Amino acid sequence: MAPLDPVNFIGKAKSVPLLLQFATNDKFIAKNKAGLFANSASEPKELRWYEAEHELNTQAVTERITWLETQLKLAVPSTGN
């Protein structure tokens, strides 16, 4: 599987904003592997860790949505009454 390892490709995303989210208790992605991946990514990047399992928690999902809205310059729909 080594040729398919994402660490071999993340550095090719030049000048593309990246949000890297990792879980502290991930049983599939070791912390050192996540660190290697993050270090291989080009700037601009944001690295965030969450106290969670492999399936990230609600905080991570909320932050991902907010980050995407900002990057894509999306207007958040009004809940106005």
C-alpha atoms as a PDB file:
ATOM      1  CA  MET A   1       0.000   0.000   0.000  1.00  0.00           C
ATOM      2  CA  ALA A   2       3.030   2.322   0.299  1.00  0.00           C
ATOM      3  CA  PRO A   3       2.649   3.714  -3.255  1.00  0.00           C
ATOM      4  CA  LEU A   4      -0.895   4.810  -2.346  1.00  0.00           C
ATOM      5  CA  ASP A   5       0.057   6.426   0.968  1.00  0.00           C
ATOM      6  CA  PRO A   6      -1.372   9.985   1.047  1.00  0.00           C
ATOM      7  CA  VAL A   7       1.906  11.263   2.506  1.00  0.00           C
ATOM      8  CA  ASN A   8       3.353  10.782  -0.998  1.00  0.00           C
ATOM      9  CA  PHE A   9       0.838  13.229  -2.476  1.00  0.00           C
ATOM     10  CA  ILE A  10      -0.037  15.867   0.136  1.00  0.00           C
ATOM     11  CA  GLY A  11       3.008  17.974  -0.743  1.00  0.00           C
ATOM     12  CA  LYS A  12       1.746  18.358  -4.314  1.00  0.00           C
ATOM     13  CA  ALA A  13      -1.158  20.546  -3.137  1.00  0.00           C
ATOM     14  CA  LYS A  14       0.903  23.725  -3.590  1.00  0.00           C
ATOM     15  CA  SER A  15      -0.649  27.036  -2.513  1.00  0.00           C
ATOM     16  CA  VAL A  16      -3.942  25.339  -1.688  1.00  0.00           C
ATOM     17  CA  PRO A  17      -5.277  26.048   1.814  1.00  0.00           C
ATOM     18  CA  LEU A  18      -5.460  22.826   3.813  1.00  0.00           C
ATOM     19  CA  LEU A  19      -7.229  21.975   7.037  1.00  0.00           C
ATOM     20  CA  LEU A  20      -5.673  18.918   8.637  1.00  0.00           C
ATOM     21  CA  GLN A  21      -7.743  17.400  11.443  1.00  0.00           C
ATOM     22  CA  PHE A  22      -6.507  14.504  13.539  1.00  0.00           C
ATOM     23  CA  ALA A  23      -7.786  12.597  16.554  1.00  0.00           C
ATOM     24  CA  THR A  24      -5.608  12.014  19.593  1.00  0.00           C
ATOM     25  CA  ASN A  25      -7.055   8.517  20.131  1.00  0.00           C
ATOM     26  CA  ASP A  26      -7.129   7.301  16.537  1.00  0.00           C
ATOM     27  CA  LYS A  27      -6.508   3.543  16.376  1.00  0.00           C
ATOM     28  CA  PHE A  28      -5.876   3.657  12.612  1.00  0.00           C
ATOM     29  CA  ILE A  29      -3.617   6.708  12.254  1.00  0.00           C
ATOM     30  CA  ALA A  30      -0.748   6.883  14.724  1.00  0.00           C
ATOM     31  CA  LYS A  31       0.249  10.324  16.029  1.00  0.00           C
ATOM     32  CA  ASN A  32       3.682  10.094  14.410  1.00  0.00           C
ATOM     33  CA  LYS A  33       2.086   9.216  11.048  1.00  0.00           C
ATOM     34  CA  ALA A  34      -0.295  12.174  11.361  1.00  0.00           C
ATOM     35  CA  GLY A  35       2.680  14.403  12.179  1.00  0.00           C
ATOM     36  CA  LEU A  36       4.599  13.150   9.150  1.00  0.00           C
ATOM     37  CA  PHE A  37       1.572  13.825   6.979  1.00  0.00           C
ATOM     38  CA  ALA A  38       1.170  17.352   8.385  1.00  0.00           C
ATOM     39  CA  ASN A  39       4.877  18.115   7.948  1.00  0.00           C
ATOM     40  CA  SER A  40       4.691  16.939   4.332  1.00  0.00           C
ATOM     41  CA  ALA A  41       1.812  19.298   3.533  1.00  0.00           C
ATOM     42  CA  SER A  42       2.645  22.613   1.918  1.00  0.00           C
ATOM     43  CA  GLU A  43       1.541  25.989   3.215  1.00  0.00           C
ATOM     44  CA  PRO A  44      -0.952  27.417   3.798  1.00  0.00           C
ATOM     45  CA  LYS A  45      -2.174  24.809   6.239  1.00  0.00           C
ATOM     46  CA  GLU A  46      -3.908  24.566   9.579  1.00  0.00           C
ATOM     47  CA  LEU A  47      -3.340  21.582  11.844  1.00  0.00           C
ATOM     48  CA  ARG A  48      -5.921  20.791  14.508  1.00  0.00           C
ATOM     49  CA  TRP A  49      -6.011  17.960  17.022  1.00  0.00           C
ATOM     50  CA  TYR A  50      -9.152  16.703  18.725  1.00  0.00           C
ATOM     51  CA  GLU A  51      -9.685  14.562  21.785  1.00  0.00           C
ATOM     52  CA  ALA A  52     -11.558  11.929  19.797  1.00  0.00           C
ATOM     53  CA  GLU A  53     -11.475   8.536  18.133  1.00  0.00           C
ATOM     54  CA  HIS A  54     -10.997   7.931  14.391  1.00  0.00           C
ATOM     55  CA  GLU A  55     -14.437   9.364  13.679  1.00  0.00           C
ATOM     56  CA  LEU A  56     -13.890  12.950  14.716  1.00  0.00           C
ATOM     57  CA  ASN A  57     -16.189  14.633  17.198  1.00  0.00           C
ATOM     58  CA  THR A  58     -18.844  17.322  16.741  1.00  0.00           C
ATOM     59  CA  GLN A  59     -16.341  20.107  17.400  1.00  0.00           C
ATOM     60  CA  ALA A  60     -14.197  18.918  14.477  1.00  0.00           C
ATOM     61  CA  VAL A  61     -17.192  18.706  12.152  1.00  0.00           C
ATOM     62  CA  THR A  62     -18.376  22.199  13.133  1.00  0.00           C
ATOM     63  CA  GLU A  63     -14.887  23.654  12.668  1.00  0.00           C
ATOM     64  CA  ARG A  64     -14.554  21.938   9.281  1.00  0.00           C
ATOM     65  CA  ILE A  65     -17.835  23.443   8.079  1.00  0.00           C
ATOM     66  CA  THR A  66     -16.821  26.915   9.290  1.00  0.00           C
ATOM     67  CA  TRP A  67     -13.408  26.576   7.644  1.00  0.00           C
ATOM     68  CA  LEU A  68     -14.984  25.515   4.348  1.00  0.00           C
ATOM     69  CA  GLU A  69     -17.510  28.363   4.468  1.00  0.00           C
ATOM     70  CA  THR A  70     -14.633  30.809   4.940  1.00  0.00           C
ATOM     71  CA  GLN A  71     -12.475  29.276   2.211  1.00  0.00           C
ATOM     72  CA  LEU A  72     -15.345  29.140  -0.266  1.00  0.00           C
ATOM     73  CA  LYS A  73     -16.626  32.563   0.814  1.00  0.00           C
ATOM     74  CA  LEU A  74     -20.093  31.180   1.419  1.00  0.00           C
ATOM     75  CA  ALA A  75     -22.725  33.249   3.137  1.00  0.00           C
ATOM     76  CA  VAL A  76     -24.207  31.520   6.147  1.00  0.00           C
ATOM     77  CA  PRO A  77     -28.000  31.376   5.707  1.00  0.00           C
ATOM     78  CA  SER A  78     -29.968  33.608   8.025  1.00  0.00           C
ATOM     79  CA  THR A  79     -32.354  31.983  10.470  1.00  0.00           C
ATOM     80  CA  GLY A  80     -34.161  35.319  10.693  1.00  0.00           C
ATOM     81  CA  ASN A  81     -37.784  35.407  11.694  1.00  0.00           C
END
